[in-house]
Structure formats: structure tokens, C-alpha cells
Amino acid sequence: MPTASNGSVSLYYDRAGEGEPVVFVPEAGLGGWLWGWQHAAIAGPYEAVVWDLRGTGRSDAPSGPYSLETLVADLEAVLADCDLRNAHLVGCGLGGAIALEAARTSSRVATLTLFGTAARGDAFDLEPLFAPPDDPDALRRSLEAGLSDDFLKAQPDVRDGIVDWRADGDADRAGWEAQVAALADFDASDWLVEVTQPTRVFYGEADELVSPAAGQELAQGLPRGEFRELEGTGHLCFIERSRTVNDLLLGFLEEHTDDE
């Protein structure tokens, strides 16, 4: 089992495929299963790296709260352990905030693809998405906060599969609270101009956890930001519209592969 270390904390990751690296940074409390739909499309033409935040899944879960700087240092440790000097980052929610901060402070970030991400911590309302991993009914109900009713009704097998994956790999309450604490003082408003990497900001039109208006504001504040909204989808729009998102993601990556 590959792991990176940040001090005494062990961080689990998985890597597959060849080519330029694409590193996925998950939402608060959610395990690596979150990126399964994108991993299948990316691992081949690119190298896909998926990791568990501290407090989640197979990574260590030291006592919190965690700071954003600590989570960014964890990401840097994963990149260094994989010997990745120039990676494309894909993040959701808290993972998007981590990716933004890393783009400002690290020399290893080539591009950003952000889902349901805002420039300020007070724009995030992630509590409805949390559920204890040992409570299948709560896990099932909480998905209503991240996915549209139409999707959940049309894809009952997918919903059941996600519940199983969450039970196996999500964070418990302590881990989740330690992670979301990193958003308490997050405010990138004054330094977005420093994030000069090409950035595409995706949002589900019906995102109830982070307002699409906050995503538009984020994209407008980035020197090379672009906003894309996916009609009728929730916070986890990359699951609901995986084919569309994968096509757009691959096109974006191809456009910026070896972009100097």
C-alpha cells in the first residue's frame, strides 16, 4: 500500500496510468471512491493519483483541528513521494480550497479543475453531506445533499454502491470536523490574482452546499479562470454528469499538456 509521510502522519494514495499526472483532492470526509468516475477516464492517457486526506479512509487520523496549510503540506508530501514536479490538480469543495492554496504556494501545480469551490470559507455549508460511516440509512439520506433527486431516482444501483463505498472509506465525525475546520479562516479573495495557472471552475446548477454564484465570483477573480455550470446537477456534479465532465476535463488537460 503506497503511502507518503508528512512528519509522523501517513497518507495513503493510489496511482495508475502513464503520462502527465492528474492528482485528485477529495471533498471533506469523502474517500477516494469519490473520483472513481474520473479515474476510469483519466488513468491511461494520464497518470491518475487519488489520495485520502488525513482523517479519512486509509490515511492516519490525528486529532484535529487541521489547518489548510497542514492539508496543503500533506498534498505536497504526496506529490514529492510520487516525484511529481508538475501536476494537474482536480479538487472538490475543501479539496478545491486545498488545490487553490497549493497553486499559490507550490511550484508543482500545472492547472486547476475545481468543483463546488468558493474563495471564502463562509460560502461552504458541507454539514448536510456528512453521515457516520456505520449508519447506512444516514449515508443514503445525506446523498440527497450532494446529488439531484432526478439522479438518485434514476440510478438506485449507483446510490447503493456509493453507500457501500462510503461505509468503507469515509471519515468519521471527528475526522470530518477536523478537516472542515480548515475552512474556518479560509479567504482567498485578496490573493486570487496570484493563482496564474489555467483554472476551470465547475458547478452543479442546483448545488445546495456551495452557491454557484460563489463559483462565478471565484472564476472571475482568477487571472485565467473559466466558469462552467452543469444544468440540473448538485454539488457532486462530476458523478451525475460523468461523461460530460470527463470529456471536458480531458479536453482541458489536452489543451494544457506540456503548456509552458
C-alpha atoms as a PDB file:
ATOM      1  CA  MET A   1       0.000   0.000   0.000  1.00  0.00           C
ATOM      2  CA  PRO A   2       1.740   3.219  -1.135  1.00  0.00           C
ATOM      3  CA  THR A   3       1.917   5.964   1.463  1.00  0.00           C
ATOM      4  CA  ALA A   4       3.537   9.352   1.812  1.00  0.00           C
ATOM      5  CA  SER A   5       4.563  10.857   5.134  1.00  0.00           C
ATOM      6  CA  ASN A   6       4.144  14.370   6.473  1.00  0.00           C
ATOM      7  CA  GLY A   7       6.013  14.196   9.729  1.00  0.00           C
ATOM      8  CA  SER A   8       4.513  11.287  11.654  1.00  0.00           C
ATOM      9  CA  VAL A   9       1.293  11.206   9.600  1.00  0.00           C
ATOM     10  CA  SER A  10       0.957   8.512   6.956  1.00  0.00           C
ATOM     11  CA  LEU A  11      -1.091   9.430   3.863  1.00  0.00           C
ATOM     12  CA  TYR A  12      -2.477   6.711   1.621  1.00  0.00           C
ATOM     13  CA  TYR A  13      -2.566   7.200  -2.140  1.00  0.00           C
ATOM     14  CA  ASP A  14      -3.130   5.164  -5.282  1.00  0.00           C
ATOM     15  CA  ARG A  15      -1.613   5.822  -8.699  1.00  0.00           C
ATOM     16  CA  ALA A  16      -2.385   4.285 -12.081  1.00  0.00           C
ATOM     17  CA  GLY A  17      -1.738   5.025 -15.735  1.00  0.00           C
ATOM     18  CA  GLU A  18       1.044   6.816 -17.559  1.00  0.00           C
ATOM     19  CA  GLY A  19       1.628  10.307 -18.878  1.00  0.00           C
ATOM     20  CA  GLU A  20       1.329  13.671 -17.198  1.00  0.00           C
ATOM     21  CA  PRO A  21      -0.004  13.335 -13.632  1.00  0.00           C
ATOM     22  CA  VAL A  22      -3.505  14.316 -12.568  1.00  0.00           C
ATOM     23  CA  VAL A  23      -3.932  14.438  -8.788  1.00  0.00           C
ATOM     24  CA  PHE A  24      -7.430  14.290  -7.289  1.00  0.00           C
ATOM     25  CA  VAL A  25      -8.152  16.065  -3.989  1.00  0.00           C
ATOM     26  CA  PRO A  26     -11.408  14.902  -2.340  1.00  0.00           C
ATOM     27  CA  GLU A  27     -14.211  16.712  -0.569  1.00  0.00           C
ATOM     28  CA  ALA A  28     -14.219  16.862   3.234  1.00  0.00           C
ATOM     29  CA  GLY A  29     -14.905  13.479   4.777  1.00  0.00           C
ATOM     30  CA  LEU A  30     -15.228  11.601   1.494  1.00  0.00           C
ATOM     31  CA  GLY A  31     -12.868   8.801   0.487  1.00  0.00           C
ATOM     32  CA  GLY A  32     -11.096   8.154  -2.777  1.00  0.00           C
ATOM     33  CA  TRP A  33     -14.242   6.451  -4.180  1.00  0.00           C
ATOM     34  CA  LEU A  34     -15.401   9.987  -4.987  1.00  0.00           C
ATOM     35  CA  TRP A  35     -13.217  10.147  -8.087  1.00  0.00           C
ATOM     36  CA  GLY A  36     -13.961   6.666  -9.443  1.00  0.00           C
ATOM     37  CA  TRP A  37     -15.863   8.024 -12.456  1.00  0.00           C
ATOM     38  CA  GLN A  38     -12.985  10.314 -13.460  1.00  0.00           C
ATOM     39  CA  HIS A  39     -10.237   7.830 -12.581  1.00  0.00           C
ATOM     40  CA  ALA A  40     -11.505   5.388 -15.194  1.00  0.00           C
ATOM     41  CA  ALA A  41     -11.276   8.037 -17.914  1.00  0.00           C
ATOM     42  CA  ILE A  42      -8.001   9.644 -16.844  1.00  0.00           C
ATOM     43  CA  ALA A  43      -5.832   6.622 -15.951  1.00  0.00           C
ATOM     44  CA  GLY A  44      -4.492   5.737 -19.362  1.00  0.00           C
ATOM     45  CA  PRO A  45      -3.680   8.889 -21.282  1.00  0.00           C
ATOM     46  CA  TYR A  46      -2.614  10.394 -17.944  1.00  0.00           C
ATOM     47  CA  GLU A  47      -1.344   9.161 -14.620  1.00  0.00           C
ATOM     48  CA  ALA A  48      -4.133   9.383 -12.045  1.00  0.00           C
ATOM     49  CA  VAL A  49      -3.245   9.850  -8.370  1.00  0.00           C
ATOM     50  CA  VAL A  50      -6.020   9.606  -5.767  1.00  0.00           C
ATOM     51  CA  TRP A  51      -5.301  10.107  -2.071  1.00  0.00           C
ATOM     52  CA  ASP A  52      -7.161  10.146   1.234  1.00  0.00           C
ATOM     53  CA  LEU A  53      -6.989  13.325   3.293  1.00  0.00           C
ATOM     54  CA  ARG A  54      -5.693  12.900   6.825  1.00  0.00           C
ATOM     55  CA  GLY A  55      -8.677  11.817   8.884  1.00  0.00           C
ATOM     56  CA  THR A  56     -10.186   9.808   6.016  1.00  0.00           C
ATOM     57  CA  GLY A  57     -10.004   6.198   4.868  1.00  0.00           C
ATOM     58  CA  ARG A  58      -6.591   4.592   4.949  1.00  0.00           C
ATOM     59  CA  SER A  59      -4.691   7.744   5.883  1.00  0.00           C
ATOM     60  CA  ASP A  60      -3.855   8.448   9.508  1.00  0.00           C
ATOM     61  CA  ALA A  61      -6.353  10.414  11.574  1.00  0.00           C
ATOM     62  CA  PRO A  62      -4.505  12.502  14.158  1.00  0.00           C
ATOM     63  CA  SER A  63      -6.530  14.727  16.460  1.00  0.00           C
ATOM     64  CA  GLY A  64      -7.754  17.955  14.886  1.00  0.00           C
ATOM     65  CA  PRO A  65      -8.476  20.606  14.041  1.00  0.00           C
ATOM     66  CA  TYR A  66      -6.428  20.646  10.840  1.00  0.00           C
ATOM     67  CA  SER A  67      -5.305  23.854   9.197  1.00  0.00           C
ATOM     68  CA  LEU A  68      -5.450  24.446   5.462  1.00  0.00           C
ATOM     69  CA  GLU A  69      -1.680  24.831   5.498  1.00  0.00           C
ATOM     70  CA  THR A  70      -1.336  21.351   7.003  1.00  0.00           C
ATOM     71  CA  LEU A  71      -3.578  19.806   4.352  1.00  0.00           C
ATOM     72  CA  VAL A  72      -1.603  21.573   1.623  1.00  0.00           C
ATOM     73  CA  ALA A  73       1.605  20.238   3.166  1.00  0.00           C
ATOM     74  CA  ASP A  74       0.049  16.765   3.027  1.00  0.00           C
ATOM     75  CA  LEU A  75      -0.629  17.241  -0.682  1.00  0.00           C
ATOM     76  CA  GLU A  76       2.949  18.396  -1.174  1.00  0.00           C
ATOM     77  CA  ALA A  77       4.141  15.245   0.600  1.00  0.00           C
ATOM     78  CA  VAL A  78       2.112  13.069  -1.779  1.00  0.00           C
ATOM     79  CA  LEU A  79       3.461  14.934  -4.816  1.00  0.00           C
ATOM     80  CA  ALA A  80       7.019  14.613  -3.526  1.00  0.00           C
ATOM     81  CA  ASP A  81       6.639  10.910  -2.721  1.00  0.00           C
ATOM     82  CA  CYS A  82       5.377  10.313  -6.260  1.00  0.00           C
ATOM     83  CA  ASP A  83       8.219  12.506  -7.609  1.00  0.00           C
ATOM     84  CA  LEU A  84       5.713  14.710  -9.441  1.00  0.00           C
ATOM     85  CA  ARG A  85       7.188  18.050 -10.431  1.00  0.00           C
ATOM     86  CA  ASN A  86       4.259  19.377 -12.466  1.00  0.00           C
ATOM     87  CA  ALA A  87       0.791  18.008 -11.711  1.00  0.00           C
ATOM     88  CA  HIS A  88      -2.734  18.914 -12.768  1.00  0.00           C
ATOM     89  CA  LEU A  89      -4.927  19.206  -9.669  1.00  0.00           C
ATOM     90  CA  VAL A  90      -8.629  18.308  -9.553  1.00  0.00           C
ATOM     91  CA  GLY A  91     -10.458  19.189  -6.329  1.00  0.00           C
ATOM     92  CA  CYS A  92     -13.967  19.377  -4.898  1.00  0.00           C
ATOM     93  CA  GLY A  93     -15.130  21.648  -2.066  1.00  0.00           C
ATOM     94  CA  LEU A  94     -12.478  21.540   0.645  1.00  0.00           C
ATOM     95  CA  GLY A  95     -10.297  19.731  -1.880  1.00  0.00           C
ATOM     96  CA  GLY A  96     -10.707  22.700  -4.207  1.00  0.00           C
ATOM     97  CA  ALA A  97      -9.598  25.086  -1.466  1.00  0.00           C
ATOM     98  CA  ILE A  98      -6.538  22.897  -0.846  1.00  0.00           C
ATOM     99  CA  ALA A  99      -5.760  22.934  -4.567  1.00  0.00           C
ATOM    100  CA  LEU A 100      -6.110  26.716  -4.748  1.00  0.00           C
ATOM    101  CA  GLU A 101      -3.716  27.271  -1.851  1.00  0.00           C
ATOM    102  CA  ALA A 102      -1.271  24.750  -3.326  1.00  0.00           C
ATOM    103  CA  ALA A 103      -1.362  26.569  -6.671  1.00  0.00           C
ATOM    104  CA  ARG A 104      -0.309  29.747  -4.885  1.00  0.00           C
ATOM    105  CA  THR A 105       2.428  28.238  -2.732  1.00  0.00           C
ATOM    106  CA  SER A 106       3.807  25.259  -4.649  1.00  0.00           C
ATOM    107  CA  SER A 107       5.835  25.104  -7.853  1.00  0.00           C
ATOM    108  CA  ARG A 108       4.352  21.687  -8.677  1.00  0.00           C
ATOM    109  CA  VAL A 109       0.889  22.790  -9.931  1.00  0.00           C
ATOM    110  CA  ALA A 110       0.224  22.998 -13.686  1.00  0.00           C
ATOM    111  CA  THR A 111      -3.555  23.531 -13.860  1.00  0.00           C
ATOM    112  CA  LEU A 112      -6.615  23.505 -11.624  1.00  0.00           C
ATOM    113  CA  THR A 113     -10.017  21.924 -12.144  1.00  0.00           C
ATOM    114  CA  LEU A 114     -12.316  22.864  -9.270  1.00  0.00           C
ATOM    115  CA  PHE A 115     -15.798  21.580  -8.432  1.00  0.00           C
ATOM    116  CA  GLY A 116     -18.105  23.311  -5.953  1.00  0.00           C
ATOM    117  CA  THR A 117     -15.330  25.579  -4.711  1.00  0.00           C
ATOM    118  CA  ALA A 118     -15.522  29.138  -3.397  1.00  0.00           C
ATOM    119  CA  ALA A 119     -12.920  31.746  -2.497  1.00  0.00           C
ATOM    120  CA  ARG A 120     -14.132  32.065   1.111  1.00  0.00           C
ATOM    121  CA  GLY A 121     -14.799  29.531   3.816  1.00  0.00           C
ATOM    122  CA  ASP A 122     -18.103  31.115   4.832  1.00  0.00           C
ATOM    123  CA  ALA A 123     -19.535  30.162   1.403  1.00  0.00           C
ATOM    124  CA  PHE A 124     -19.304  26.438   2.224  1.00  0.00           C
ATOM    125  CA  ASP A 125     -22.126  24.581   4.012  1.00  0.00           C
ATOM    126  CA  LEU A 126     -20.886  20.975   3.970  1.00  0.00           C
ATOM    127  CA  GLU A 127     -22.642  19.632   7.081  1.00  0.00           C
ATOM    128  CA  PRO A 128     -25.609  18.110   5.169  1.00  0.00           C
ATOM    129  CA  LEU A 129     -23.257  15.852   3.210  1.00  0.00           C
ATOM    130  CA  PHE A 130     -21.760  14.230   6.314  1.00  0.00           C
ATOM    131  CA  ALA A 131     -23.061  10.931   7.682  1.00  0.00           C
ATOM    132  CA  PRO A 132     -21.484   8.392  10.053  1.00  0.00           C
ATOM    133  CA  PRO A 133     -19.849   5.603   8.019  1.00  0.00           C
ATOM    134  CA  ASP A 134     -21.519   2.989  10.229  1.00  0.00           C
ATOM    135  CA  ASP A 135     -25.053   4.285   9.555  1.00  0.00           C
ATOM    136  CA  PRO A 136     -26.201   3.145   6.069  1.00  0.00           C
ATOM    137  CA  ASP A 137     -29.546   4.932   6.326  1.00  0.00           C
ATOM    138  CA  ALA A 138     -27.869   8.226   7.196  1.00  0.00           C
ATOM    139  CA  LEU A 139     -25.367   7.751   4.366  1.00  0.00           C
ATOM    140  CA  ARG A 140     -28.214   7.175   1.943  1.00  0.00           C
ATOM    141  CA  ARG A 141     -30.162  10.254   3.117  1.00  0.00           C
ATOM    142  CA  SER A 142     -27.126  12.534   3.098  1.00  0.00           C
ATOM    143  CA  LEU A 143     -26.568  11.865  -0.608  1.00  0.00           C
ATOM    144  CA  GLU A 144     -29.662  13.985  -1.223  1.00  0.00           C
ATOM    145  CA  ALA A 145     -27.500  16.979  -0.274  1.00  0.00           C
ATOM    146  CA  GLY A 146     -24.908  16.258  -2.947  1.00  0.00           C
ATOM    147  CA  LEU A 147     -26.856  14.716  -5.818  1.00  0.00           C
ATOM    148  CA  SER A 148     -30.054  15.765  -7.559  1.00  0.00           C
ATOM    149  CA  ASP A 149     -33.364  13.985  -6.926  1.00  0.00           C
ATOM    150  CA  ASP A 150     -33.586  13.059 -10.600  1.00  0.00           C
ATOM    151  CA  PHE A 151     -30.231  11.311 -10.499  1.00  0.00           C
ATOM    152  CA  LEU A 152     -30.945   9.447  -7.275  1.00  0.00           C
ATOM    153  CA  LYS A 153     -34.292   8.221  -8.569  1.00  0.00           C
ATOM    154  CA  ALA A 154     -32.871   7.183 -11.939  1.00  0.00           C
ATOM    155  CA  GLN A 155     -29.747   5.497 -10.556  1.00  0.00           C
ATOM    156  CA  PRO A 156     -30.722   3.420  -7.476  1.00  0.00           C
ATOM    157  CA  ASP A 157     -27.889   0.933  -8.057  1.00  0.00           C
ATOM    158  CA  VAL A 158     -25.343   3.734  -8.130  1.00  0.00           C
ATOM    159  CA  ARG A 159     -26.794   5.121  -4.905  1.00  0.00           C
ATOM    160  CA  ASP A 160     -26.475   1.722  -3.238  1.00  0.00           C
ATOM    161  CA  GLY A 161     -22.887   1.389  -4.444  1.00  0.00           C
ATOM    162  CA  ILE A 162     -21.962   4.821  -3.105  1.00  0.00           C
ATOM    163  CA  VAL A 163     -23.437   3.950   0.295  1.00  0.00           C
ATOM    164  CA  ASP A 164     -21.225   0.842   0.416  1.00  0.00           C
ATOM    165  CA  TRP A 165     -18.127   2.774  -0.622  1.00  0.00           C
ATOM    166  CA  ARG A 166     -18.802   5.497   1.922  1.00  0.00           C
ATOM    167  CA  ALA A 167     -19.214   2.922   4.689  1.00  0.00           C
ATOM    168  CA  ASP A 168     -15.797   1.541   3.792  1.00  0.00           C
ATOM    169  CA  GLY A 169     -13.806   4.732   3.153  1.00  0.00           C
ATOM    170  CA  ASP A 170     -15.355   7.915   4.565  1.00  0.00           C
ATOM    171  CA  ALA A 171     -14.256   9.835   7.647  1.00  0.00           C
ATOM    172  CA  ASP A 172     -15.990   9.579  10.996  1.00  0.00           C
ATOM    173  CA  ARG A 173     -17.348  12.676  12.754  1.00  0.00           C
ATOM    174  CA  ALA A 174     -14.019  13.544  14.393  1.00  0.00           C
ATOM    175  CA  GLY A 175     -12.125  13.306  11.109  1.00  0.00           C
ATOM    176  CA  TRP A 176     -14.741  15.307   9.242  1.00  0.00           C
ATOM    177  CA  GLU A 177     -14.815  18.074  11.854  1.00  0.00           C
ATOM    178  CA  ALA A 178     -11.014  18.239  11.900  1.00  0.00           C
ATOM    179  CA  GLN A 179     -10.998  18.694   8.107  1.00  0.00           C
ATOM    180  CA  VAL A 180     -13.757  21.294   7.748  1.00  0.00           C
ATOM    181  CA  ALA A 181     -12.040  23.359  10.454  1.00  0.00           C
ATOM    182  CA  ALA A 182      -9.520  24.223   7.739  1.00  0.00           C
ATOM    183  CA  LEU A 183     -12.205  26.326   6.024  1.00  0.00           C
ATOM    184  CA  ALA A 184     -12.949  28.467   9.089  1.00  0.00           C
ATOM    185  CA  ASP A 185     -10.421  31.173   8.227  1.00  0.00           C
ATOM    186  CA  PHE A 186     -10.122  30.466   4.512  1.00  0.00           C
ATOM    187  CA  ASP A 187     -10.319  33.631   2.417  1.00  0.00           C
ATOM    188  CA  ALA A 188      -8.535  33.723  -0.920  1.00  0.00           C
ATOM    189  CA  SER A 189     -10.162  36.960  -2.088  1.00  0.00           C
ATOM    190  CA  ASP A 190      -7.025  39.057  -1.732  1.00  0.00           C
ATOM    191  CA  TRP A 191      -4.622  36.596  -3.361  1.00  0.00           C
ATOM    192  CA  LEU A 192      -6.569  35.015  -6.212  1.00  0.00           C
ATOM    193  CA  VAL A 193      -4.573  37.173  -8.633  1.00  0.00           C
ATOM    194  CA  GLU A 194      -1.503  35.164  -7.580  1.00  0.00           C
ATOM    195  CA  VAL A 195      -3.025  31.932  -8.914  1.00  0.00           C
ATOM    196  CA  THR A 196      -1.988  32.250 -12.549  1.00  0.00           C
ATOM    197  CA  GLN A 197      -2.443  28.610 -13.581  1.00  0.00           C
ATOM    198  CA  PRO A 198      -5.227  27.850 -16.077  1.00  0.00           C
ATOM    199  CA  THR A 199      -8.305  27.084 -13.965  1.00  0.00           C
ATOM    200  CA  ARG A 200     -11.719  25.717 -14.831  1.00  0.00           C
ATOM    201  CA  VAL A 201     -14.410  26.074 -12.163  1.00  0.00           C
ATOM    202  CA  PHE A 202     -17.318  23.613 -12.464  1.00  0.00           C
ATOM    203  CA  TYR A 203     -20.596  23.883 -10.606  1.00  0.00           C
ATOM    204  CA  GLY A 204     -23.825  21.979 -10.423  1.00  0.00           C
ATOM    205  CA  GLU A 205     -26.674  24.378 -11.154  1.00  0.00           C
ATOM    206  CA  ALA A 206     -28.585  23.008  -8.153  1.00  0.00           C
ATOM    207  CA  ASP A 207     -25.624  22.891  -5.737  1.00  0.00           C
ATOM    208  CA  GLU A 208     -27.094  23.344  -2.239  1.00  0.00           C
ATOM    209  CA  LEU A 209     -23.778  23.221  -0.377  1.00  0.00           C
ATOM    210  CA  VAL A 210     -21.816  25.963  -2.134  1.00  0.00           C
ATOM    211  CA  SER A 211     -23.660  28.566  -4.186  1.00  0.00           C
ATOM    212  CA  PRO A 212     -22.912  28.660  -7.921  1.00  0.00           C
ATOM    213  CA  ALA A 213     -22.728  32.451  -7.533  1.00  0.00           C
ATOM    214  CA  ALA A 214     -19.671  31.901  -5.309  1.00  0.00           C
ATOM    215  CA  GLY A 215     -18.150  29.792  -8.081  1.00  0.00           C
ATOM    216  CA  GLN A 216     -18.713  32.545 -10.636  1.00  0.00           C
ATOM    217  CA  GLU A 217     -17.072  35.026  -8.278  1.00  0.00           C
ATOM    218  CA  LEU A 218     -14.108  32.678  -7.858  1.00  0.00           C
ATOM    219  CA  ALA A 219     -13.648  32.220 -11.598  1.00  0.00           C
ATOM    220  CA  GLN A 220     -13.891  35.966 -12.214  1.00  0.00           C
ATOM    221  CA  GLY A 221     -11.210  36.631  -9.609  1.00  0.00           C
ATOM    222  CA  LEU A 222      -8.698  34.240 -11.177  1.00  0.00           C
ATOM    223  CA  PRO A 223      -6.456  35.619 -13.942  1.00  0.00           C
ATOM    224  CA  ARG A 224      -7.064  32.513 -16.075  1.00  0.00           C
ATOM    225  CA  GLY A 225     -10.352  31.340 -14.576  1.00  0.00           C
ATOM    226  CA  GLU A 226     -13.290  29.910 -16.532  1.00  0.00           C
ATOM    227  CA  PHE A 227     -16.716  29.027 -15.137  1.00  0.00           C
ATOM    228  CA  ARG A 228     -18.837  26.079 -16.303  1.00  0.00           C
ATOM    229  CA  GLU A 229     -22.276  25.262 -14.904  1.00  0.00           C
ATOM    230  CA  LEU A 230     -23.937  21.864 -15.351  1.00  0.00           C
ATOM    231  CA  GLU A 231     -27.701  22.108 -15.549  1.00  0.00           C
ATOM    232  CA  GLY A 232     -29.836  20.230 -13.042  1.00  0.00           C
ATOM    233  CA  THR A 233     -26.960  18.770 -11.032  1.00  0.00           C
ATOM    234  CA  GLY A 234     -25.888  19.003  -7.406  1.00  0.00           C
ATOM    235  CA  HIS A 235     -22.596  19.507  -5.587  1.00  0.00           C
ATOM    236  CA  LEU A 236     -21.181  16.211  -6.853  1.00  0.00           C
ATOM    237  CA  CYS A 237     -21.937  17.107 -10.465  1.00  0.00           C
ATOM    238  CA  PHE A 238     -18.940  15.124 -11.732  1.00  0.00           C
ATOM    239  CA  ILE A 239     -20.737  11.946 -10.655  1.00  0.00           C
ATOM    240  CA  GLU A 240     -24.082  12.913 -12.154  1.00  0.00           C
ATOM    241  CA  ARG A 241     -22.663  14.055 -15.489  1.00  0.00           C
ATOM    242  CA  SER A 242     -19.521  11.962 -15.522  1.00  0.00           C
ATOM    243  CA  ARG A 243     -19.334  11.526 -19.302  1.00  0.00           C
ATOM    244  CA  THR A 244     -19.744  15.236 -19.958  1.00  0.00           C
ATOM    245  CA  VAL A 245     -17.298  16.178 -17.210  1.00  0.00           C
ATOM    246  CA  ASN A 246     -14.746  13.605 -18.347  1.00  0.00           C
ATOM    247  CA  ASP A 247     -14.869  14.894 -21.922  1.00  0.00           C
ATOM    248  CA  LEU A 248     -14.455  18.475 -20.730  1.00  0.00           C
ATOM    249  CA  LEU A 249     -11.688  17.511 -18.304  1.00  0.00           C
ATOM    250  CA  LEU A 250      -9.758  15.561 -20.931  1.00  0.00           C
ATOM    251  CA  GLY A 251     -10.104  18.436 -23.388  1.00  0.00           C
ATOM    252  CA  PHE A 252      -8.846  20.914 -20.793  1.00  0.00           C
ATOM    253  CA  LEU A 253      -5.901  18.687 -19.908  1.00  0.00           C
ATOM    254  CA  GLU A 254      -5.000  18.129 -23.541  1.00  0.00           C
ATOM    255  CA  GLU A 255      -5.082  21.863 -24.133  1.00  0.00           C
ATOM    256  CA  HIS A 256      -2.578  22.404 -21.346  1.00  0.00           C
ATOM    257  CA  THR A 257      -0.391  19.333 -21.639  1.00  0.00           C
ATOM    258  CA  ASP A 258       3.233  20.445 -21.822  1.00  0.00           C
ATOM    259  CA  ASP A 259       1.955  24.029 -21.668  1.00  0.00           C
ATOM    260  CA  GLU A 260       4.921  26.142 -20.783  1.00  0.00           C
END
